[in-house]
Amino acid sequence: MATPGKAAPRLSLAVGRERISTVSKAKSRHEEAVRPVSRPRVTAGHKARVSPISVRPQSDIQYQTVIKNFETGVRAFQKQNYGKAAEIFEKLIDSDARDVAERAQMHLRLCRQRSGRLARPPKSADEYYAMGIACLNARNLEQAVEHLSKADKMKPNQDHIRYALAVLHALEGNIDTAFAHLEAAFALRPENRIHARRDEDFQGIAADPRFRRLTYPSGSQ
């Protein structure tokens, strides 16, 4: 899921498919993981793409190593190997890479919940959003809709939350609901149209005339 921007869009396997992209904004705006590692973004992954993690120079070897470790943890999580995933995420939560550390914290909480260990439930809209993106990236759509809906209720009219809900409902096949959220996300932040055009999670609705009408409004290229 391409992550729209809040500060940081779409922990998406947003790198990979965790949208380290589908997640910062701490929460990447499905801009740069839902935001893709994209809010984020969904982002969104929005690929695990919802939201990507902000890219740093290739010379930053330490940061690249942190990203690779995070992706390894996400793969273990998706295979339901929660013990191994939790071990990896625990090592990342103190990372200097704050965008990765925040995503690791959310995934660690999910690992502990699913393995029966106690974990503090999310309390704020941002925490519910991050949890929703983590579930979206792992393709746990039932929990994703629960968390993202709570985030939307606690903090309505947030473009990154509505974008992530659009991605979620598109994946579930709830086409009309997906378009309703997508239209709201565009109205709140027109730049989200750019992310939606290249977001693979919208492939299921891209052929619908409404998608082109919303993403390419009259007069745009």
C-alpha atoms as a PDB file:
ATOM      1  CA  MET A   1       0.000   0.000   0.000  1.00  0.00           C
ATOM      2  CA  ALA A   2       1.592   3.240  -0.993  1.00  0.00           C
ATOM      3  CA  THR A   3       1.729   5.292   2.125  1.00  0.00           C
ATOM      4  CA  PRO A   4       0.364   8.821   2.214  1.00  0.00           C
ATOM      5  CA  GLY A   5       2.281  11.212   4.235  1.00  0.00           C
ATOM      6  CA  LYS A   6       1.702  12.165   7.871  1.00  0.00           C
ATOM      7  CA  ALA A   7       4.982  12.498   9.287  1.00  0.00           C
ATOM      8  CA  ALA A   8       6.966   9.450   8.882  1.00  0.00           C
ATOM      9  CA  PRO A   9       3.030   6.632   5.886  1.00  0.00           C
ATOM     10  CA  ARG A  10       2.454   2.600   5.334  1.00  0.00           C
ATOM     11  CA  LEU A  11       5.022   0.483   8.129  1.00  0.00           C
ATOM     12  CA  SER A  12       4.306  -1.360   4.965  1.00  0.00           C
ATOM     13  CA  LEU A  13       6.650  -4.478   4.551  1.00  0.00           C
ATOM     14  CA  ALA A  14       6.492  -1.251   3.428  1.00  0.00           C
ATOM     15  CA  VAL A  15       9.921  -2.427   2.660  1.00  0.00           C
ATOM     16  CA  GLY A  16       9.352  -5.714   1.128  1.00  0.00           C
ATOM     17  CA  ARG A  17       5.661  -5.886   1.552  1.00  0.00           C
ATOM     18  CA  GLU A  18       5.405  -4.633   5.042  1.00  0.00           C
ATOM     19  CA  ARG A  19       5.049  -1.304   3.641  1.00  0.00           C
ATOM     20  CA  ILE A  20       7.560  -0.428   6.152  1.00  0.00           C
ATOM     21  CA  SER A  21       5.754   1.771   3.294  1.00  0.00           C
ATOM     22  CA  THR A  22       1.309   0.049   3.370  1.00  0.00           C
ATOM     23  CA  VAL A  23       3.369   2.736   8.228  1.00  0.00           C
ATOM     24  CA  SER A  24       5.634   6.103   9.832  1.00  0.00           C
ATOM     25  CA  LYS A  25       3.412   8.946  10.311  1.00  0.00           C
ATOM     26  CA  ALA A  26       5.073   7.648  12.963  1.00  0.00           C
ATOM     27  CA  LYS A  27       2.899   6.489  10.635  1.00  0.00           C
ATOM     28  CA  SER A  28       4.033   7.008   7.142  1.00  0.00           C
ATOM     29  CA  ARG A  29       1.343   8.539   4.974  1.00  0.00           C
ATOM     30  CA  HIS A  30       1.133   5.730   2.677  1.00  0.00           C
ATOM     31  CA  GLU A  31       3.709   8.132   1.142  1.00  0.00           C
ATOM     32  CA  GLU A  32       6.891   7.082   2.020  1.00  0.00           C
ATOM     33  CA  ALA A  33       3.275   1.708   4.762  1.00  0.00           C
ATOM     34  CA  VAL A  34      -2.817   1.009   5.619  1.00  0.00           C
ATOM     35  CA  ARG A  35       0.716   3.480   4.011  1.00  0.00           C
ATOM     36  CA  PRO A  36       4.182  -0.207   1.219  1.00  0.00           C
ATOM     37  CA  VAL A  37       7.598   0.102   5.593  1.00  0.00           C
ATOM     38  CA  SER A  38       3.175   2.150   3.528  1.00  0.00           C
ATOM     39  CA  ARG A  39       1.006   6.004   7.558  1.00  0.00           C
ATOM     40  CA  PRO A  40       1.157   4.348   6.712  1.00  0.00           C
ATOM     41  CA  ARG A  41       0.360   5.471   5.068  1.00  0.00           C
ATOM     42  CA  VAL A  42      -0.799   2.691   5.440  1.00  0.00           C
ATOM     43  CA  THR A  43       1.175   3.475   3.600  1.00  0.00           C
ATOM     44  CA  ALA A  44      -0.289   1.939   4.691  1.00  0.00           C
ATOM     45  CA  GLY A  45       2.170  -2.741   4.589  1.00  0.00           C
ATOM     46  CA  HIS A  46      -0.960  -0.431   2.955  1.00  0.00           C
ATOM     47  CA  LYS A  47       2.932  -3.784   2.008  1.00  0.00           C
ATOM     48  CA  ALA A  48       2.401  -4.711   5.215  1.00  0.00           C
ATOM     49  CA  ARG A  49       3.173  -1.399   1.367  1.00  0.00           C
ATOM     50  CA  VAL A  50       0.463  -0.104   3.864  1.00  0.00           C
ATOM     51  CA  SER A  51       3.593   2.789   4.225  1.00  0.00           C
ATOM     52  CA  PRO A  52       7.392   2.918   2.962  1.00  0.00           C
ATOM     53  CA  ILE A  53      10.041   3.631   5.554  1.00  0.00           C
ATOM     54  CA  SER A  54      11.933   6.703   4.588  1.00  0.00           C
ATOM     55  CA  VAL A  55      14.842   5.752   2.363  1.00  0.00           C
ATOM     56  CA  ARG A  56      18.332   6.656   3.468  1.00  0.00           C
ATOM     57  CA  PRO A  57      21.595   6.567   1.519  1.00  0.00           C
ATOM     58  CA  GLN A  58      22.841   3.126   0.634  1.00  0.00           C
ATOM     59  CA  SER A  59      26.042   4.035   2.423  1.00  0.00           C
ATOM     60  CA  ASP A  60      24.137   3.994   5.686  1.00  0.00           C
ATOM     61  CA  ILE A  61      24.936   0.339   6.259  1.00  0.00           C
ATOM     62  CA  GLN A  62      23.667   0.268   9.822  1.00  0.00           C
ATOM     63  CA  TYR A  63      20.257   1.568   8.811  1.00  0.00           C
ATOM     64  CA  GLN A  64      20.026  -0.902   5.945  1.00  0.00           C
ATOM     65  CA  THR A  65      20.799  -3.702   8.394  1.00  0.00           C
ATOM     66  CA  VAL A  66      17.996  -2.554  10.686  1.00  0.00           C
ATOM     67  CA  ILE A  67      15.578  -2.576   7.737  1.00  0.00           C
ATOM     68  CA  LYS A  68      16.597  -6.105   6.757  1.00  0.00           C
ATOM     69  CA  ASN A  69      16.149  -7.326  10.330  1.00  0.00           C
ATOM     70  CA  PHE A  70      12.711  -5.737  10.478  1.00  0.00           C
ATOM     71  CA  GLU A  71      11.699  -7.459   7.242  1.00  0.00           C
ATOM     72  CA  THR A  72      12.923 -10.773   8.660  1.00  0.00           C
ATOM     73  CA  GLY A  73      10.731 -10.218  11.700  1.00  0.00           C
ATOM     74  CA  VAL A  74       7.727  -9.402   9.515  1.00  0.00           C
ATOM     75  CA  ARG A  75       8.184 -12.596   7.507  1.00  0.00           C
ATOM     76  CA  ALA A  76       8.327 -14.617  10.723  1.00  0.00           C
ATOM     77  CA  PHE A  77       5.193 -12.833  11.927  1.00  0.00           C
ATOM     78  CA  GLN A  78       3.333 -13.598   8.700  1.00  0.00           C
ATOM     79  CA  LYS A  79       4.283 -17.273   9.095  1.00  0.00           C
ATOM     80  CA  GLN A  80       2.807 -17.101  12.630  1.00  0.00           C
ATOM     81  CA  ASN A  81       6.216 -17.802  14.154  1.00  0.00           C
ATOM     82  CA  TYR A  82       5.479 -15.253  16.861  1.00  0.00           C
ATOM     83  CA  GLY A  83       8.275 -16.333  19.182  1.00  0.00           C
ATOM     84  CA  LYS A  84      10.976 -15.730  16.604  1.00  0.00           C
ATOM     85  CA  ALA A  85       9.317 -12.531  15.386  1.00  0.00           C
ATOM     86  CA  ALA A  86       9.024 -11.154  18.931  1.00  0.00           C
ATOM     87  CA  GLU A  87      12.703 -11.874  19.567  1.00  0.00           C
ATOM     88  CA  ILE A  88      13.653  -9.845  16.492  1.00  0.00           C
ATOM     89  CA  PHE A  89      11.284  -6.970  17.241  1.00  0.00           C
ATOM     90  CA  GLU A  90      12.482  -6.752  20.854  1.00  0.00           C
ATOM     91  CA  LYS A  91      15.984  -6.039  19.563  1.00  0.00           C
ATOM     92  CA  LEU A  92      14.694  -3.307  17.271  1.00  0.00           C
ATOM     93  CA  ILE A  93      12.532  -1.267  19.640  1.00  0.00           C
ATOM     94  CA  ASP A  94      15.587   0.572  21.001  1.00  0.00           C
ATOM     95  CA  SER A  95      16.957   1.264  17.534  1.00  0.00           C
ATOM     96  CA  ASP A  96      18.079   4.799  16.696  1.00  0.00           C
ATOM     97  CA  ALA A  97      15.950   4.450  13.557  1.00  0.00           C
ATOM     98  CA  ARG A  98      12.766   5.751  15.172  1.00  0.00           C
ATOM     99  CA  ASP A  99      10.476   4.876  12.263  1.00  0.00           C
ATOM    100  CA  VAL A 100      11.547   1.244  12.477  1.00  0.00           C
ATOM    101  CA  ALA A 101      11.490   1.199  16.284  1.00  0.00           C
ATOM    102  CA  GLU A 102       7.880   2.387  16.349  1.00  0.00           C
ATOM    103  CA  ARG A 103       6.776  -0.271  13.881  1.00  0.00           C
ATOM    104  CA  ALA A 104       8.697  -2.929  15.766  1.00  0.00           C
ATOM    105  CA  GLN A 105       6.902  -1.920  18.978  1.00  0.00           C
ATOM    106  CA  MET A 106       3.504  -2.353  17.325  1.00  0.00           C
ATOM    107  CA  HIS A 107       4.434  -5.733  15.883  1.00  0.00           C
ATOM    108  CA  LEU A 108       5.894  -6.855  19.193  1.00  0.00           C
ATOM    109  CA  ARG A 109       2.583  -6.072  20.867  1.00  0.00           C
ATOM    110  CA  LEU A 110       0.754  -8.186  18.290  1.00  0.00           C
ATOM    111  CA  CYS A 111       3.199 -11.060  18.778  1.00  0.00           C
ATOM    112  CA  ARG A 112       2.640 -11.017  22.524  1.00  0.00           C
ATOM    113  CA  GLN A 113      -1.123 -10.887  22.141  1.00  0.00           C
ATOM    114  CA  ARG A 114      -1.182 -13.826  19.772  1.00  0.00           C
ATOM    115  CA  SER A 115       1.214 -15.891  21.819  1.00  0.00           C
ATOM    116  CA  GLY A 116      -0.859 -15.343  24.942  1.00  0.00           C
ATOM    117  CA  ARG A 117       1.468 -12.905  26.682  1.00  0.00           C
ATOM    118  CA  LEU A 118       0.044  -9.784  28.294  1.00  0.00           C
ATOM    119  CA  ALA A 119       0.394  -6.556  26.382  1.00  0.00           C
ATOM    120  CA  ARG A 120      -0.970  -3.086  26.953  1.00  0.00           C
ATOM    121  CA  PRO A 121      -3.841  -2.539  24.528  1.00  0.00           C
ATOM    122  CA  PRO A 122      -3.679   0.512  22.266  1.00  0.00           C
ATOM    123  CA  LYS A 123      -5.187   3.650  23.772  1.00  0.00           C
ATOM    124  CA  SER A 124      -4.800   6.471  21.264  1.00  0.00           C
ATOM    125  CA  ALA A 125      -5.998   6.863  17.690  1.00  0.00           C
ATOM    126  CA  ASP A 126      -2.380   6.775  16.499  1.00  0.00           C
ATOM    127  CA  GLU A 127      -1.768   3.475  18.288  1.00  0.00           C
ATOM    128  CA  TYR A 128      -4.932   1.947  16.847  1.00  0.00           C
ATOM    129  CA  TYR A 129      -3.865   3.188  13.419  1.00  0.00           C
ATOM    130  CA  ALA A 130      -0.411   1.634  13.767  1.00  0.00           C
ATOM    131  CA  MET A 131      -1.923  -1.648  14.947  1.00  0.00           C
ATOM    132  CA  GLY A 132      -4.367  -1.579  12.057  1.00  0.00           C
ATOM    133  CA  ILE A 133      -1.582  -1.068   9.538  1.00  0.00           C
ATOM    134  CA  ALA A 134       0.419  -3.906  11.092  1.00  0.00           C
ATOM    135  CA  CYS A 135      -2.605  -6.209  10.746  1.00  0.00           C
ATOM    136  CA  LEU A 136      -3.212  -4.958   7.216  1.00  0.00           C
ATOM    137  CA  ASN A 137       0.356  -5.710   6.253  1.00  0.00           C
ATOM    138  CA  ALA A 138      -0.015  -9.208   7.717  1.00  0.00           C
ATOM    139  CA  ARG A 139      -3.306  -9.524   5.824  1.00  0.00           C
ATOM    140  CA  ASN A 140      -5.244 -10.003   9.041  1.00  0.00           C
ATOM    141  CA  LEU A 141      -8.126  -7.987   7.630  1.00  0.00           C
ATOM    142  CA  GLU A 142     -10.623  -8.740  10.378  1.00  0.00           C
ATOM    143  CA  GLN A 143      -8.438  -7.222  13.081  1.00  0.00           C
ATOM    144  CA  ALA A 144      -7.277  -4.457  10.747  1.00  0.00           C
ATOM    145  CA  VAL A 145     -10.824  -3.178  10.236  1.00  0.00           C
ATOM    146  CA  GLU A 146     -11.432  -3.280  13.994  1.00  0.00           C
ATOM    147  CA  HIS A 147      -8.338  -1.217  14.810  1.00  0.00           C
ATOM    148  CA  LEU A 148      -8.673   1.239  11.928  1.00  0.00           C
ATOM    149  CA  SER A 149     -12.367   1.805  12.623  1.00  0.00           C
ATOM    150  CA  LYS A 150     -11.538   2.647  16.244  1.00  0.00           C
ATOM    151  CA  ALA A 151      -8.831   5.038  15.091  1.00  0.00           C
ATOM    152  CA  ASP A 152     -11.302   6.728  12.746  1.00  0.00           C
ATOM    153  CA  LYS A 153     -13.884   7.030  15.525  1.00  0.00           C
ATOM    154  CA  MET A 154     -11.385   8.494  17.992  1.00  0.00           C
ATOM    155  CA  LYS A 155      -9.878  10.928  15.487  1.00  0.00           C
ATOM    156  CA  PRO A 156     -12.281  11.471  12.570  1.00  0.00           C
ATOM    157  CA  ASN A 157     -11.460  13.189   9.296  1.00  0.00           C
ATOM    158  CA  GLN A 158      -7.821  12.082   9.152  1.00  0.00           C
ATOM    159  CA  ASP A 159      -6.771  11.455   5.565  1.00  0.00           C
ATOM    160  CA  HIS A 160      -4.270   8.680   6.348  1.00  0.00           C
ATOM    161  CA  ILE A 161      -6.844   6.736   8.355  1.00  0.00           C
ATOM    162  CA  ARG A 162      -9.494   7.083   5.655  1.00  0.00           C
ATOM    163  CA  TYR A 163      -6.936   6.048   3.019  1.00  0.00           C
ATOM    164  CA  ALA A 164      -6.035   2.928   5.006  1.00  0.00           C
ATOM    165  CA  LEU A 165      -9.726   2.083   5.391  1.00  0.00           C
ATOM    166  CA  ALA A 166     -10.133   2.468   1.624  1.00  0.00           C
ATOM    167  CA  VAL A 167      -7.311  -0.014   1.053  1.00  0.00           C
ATOM    168  CA  LEU A 168      -8.768  -2.417   3.595  1.00  0.00           C
ATOM    169  CA  HIS A 169     -12.265  -2.406   2.120  1.00  0.00           C
ATOM    170  CA  ALA A 170     -10.892  -2.680  -1.416  1.00  0.00           C
ATOM    171  CA  LEU A 171      -9.044  -5.839  -0.380  1.00  0.00           C
ATOM    172  CA  GLU A 172     -12.176  -7.208   1.280  1.00  0.00           C
ATOM    173  CA  GLY A 173     -14.261  -6.522  -1.815  1.00  0.00           C
ATOM    174  CA  ASN A 174     -16.443  -3.861  -0.181  1.00  0.00           C
ATOM    175  CA  ILE A 175     -16.216  -1.663  -3.255  1.00  0.00           C
ATOM    176  CA  ASP A 176     -18.728   1.064  -2.427  1.00  0.00           C
ATOM    177  CA  THR A 177     -17.310   1.500   1.074  1.00  0.00           C
ATOM    178  CA  ALA A 178     -13.783   1.583  -0.318  1.00  0.00           C
ATOM    179  CA  PHE A 179     -14.694   4.402  -2.712  1.00  0.00           C
ATOM    180  CA  ALA A 180     -16.424   6.349   0.048  1.00  0.00           C
ATOM    181  CA  HIS A 181     -13.261   6.287   2.179  1.00  0.00           C
ATOM    182  CA  LEU A 182     -11.055   6.988  -0.829  1.00  0.00           C
ATOM    183  CA  GLU A 183     -13.094  10.023  -1.818  1.00  0.00           C
ATOM    184  CA  ALA A 184     -12.855  11.340   1.752  1.00  0.00           C
ATOM    185  CA  ALA A 185      -9.078  10.764   1.823  1.00  0.00           C
ATOM    186  CA  PHE A 186      -8.689  12.736  -1.416  1.00  0.00           C
ATOM    187  CA  ALA A 187     -10.889  15.565  -0.192  1.00  0.00           C
ATOM    188  CA  LEU A 188      -8.842  15.859   2.997  1.00  0.00           C
ATOM    189  CA  ARG A 189      -5.518  15.637   1.174  1.00  0.00           C
ATOM    190  CA  PRO A 190      -5.580  15.811  -2.656  1.00  0.00           C
ATOM    191  CA  GLU A 191      -1.990  14.545  -2.856  1.00  0.00           C
ATOM    192  CA  ASN A 192      -3.282  11.101  -1.860  1.00  0.00           C
ATOM    193  CA  ARG A 193      -4.438  10.688  -5.459  1.00  0.00           C
ATOM    194  CA  ILE A 194      -0.816  10.289  -6.512  1.00  0.00           C
ATOM    195  CA  HIS A 195      -0.280   7.478  -4.014  1.00  0.00           C
ATOM    196  CA  ALA A 196      -3.489   5.726  -5.014  1.00  0.00           C
ATOM    197  CA  ARG A 197      -2.568   5.674  -8.707  1.00  0.00           C
ATOM    198  CA  ARG A 198       0.473   3.516  -7.992  1.00  0.00           C
ATOM    199  CA  ASP A 199      -0.882   1.566  -5.027  1.00  0.00           C
ATOM    200  CA  GLU A 200      -1.058  -2.136  -5.901  1.00  0.00           C
ATOM    201  CA  ASP A 201      -3.695  -2.728  -3.247  1.00  0.00           C
ATOM    202  CA  PHE A 202      -6.221  -0.928  -5.434  1.00  0.00           C
ATOM    203  CA  GLN A 203      -5.770  -3.301  -8.373  1.00  0.00           C
ATOM    204  CA  GLY A 204      -9.129  -4.891  -7.580  1.00  0.00           C
ATOM    205  CA  ILE A 205     -10.998  -1.616  -8.123  1.00  0.00           C
ATOM    206  CA  ALA A 206      -8.704   0.124 -10.622  1.00  0.00           C
ATOM    207  CA  ALA A 207     -10.904  -0.923 -13.562  1.00  0.00           C
ATOM    208  CA  ASP A 208     -13.962   0.701 -11.997  1.00  0.00           C
ATOM    209  CA  PRO A 209     -14.725   4.043 -13.747  1.00  0.00           C
ATOM    210  CA  ARG A 210     -15.052   5.667 -10.321  1.00  0.00           C
ATOM    211  CA  PHE A 211     -11.384   4.994  -9.590  1.00  0.00           C
ATOM    212  CA  ARG A 212     -10.154   6.962 -12.584  1.00  0.00           C
ATOM    213  CA  ARG A 213     -12.695   9.706 -11.951  1.00  0.00           C
ATOM    214  CA  LEU A 214     -11.446  10.115  -8.373  1.00  0.00           C
ATOM    215  CA  THR A 215      -7.724   9.727  -9.032  1.00  0.00           C
ATOM    216  CA  TYR A 216      -7.708  11.812 -12.236  1.00  0.00           C
ATOM    217  CA  PRO A 217     -10.250  14.569 -11.597  1.00  0.00           C
ATOM    218  CA  SER A 218     -11.228  16.838 -14.455  1.00  0.00           C
ATOM    219  CA  GLY A 219      -8.296  18.931 -15.611  1.00  0.00           C
ATOM    220  CA  SER A 220      -5.550  16.754 -14.061  1.00  0.00           C
ATOM    221  CA  GLN A 221      -3.072  14.667 -15.982  1.00  0.00           C
END
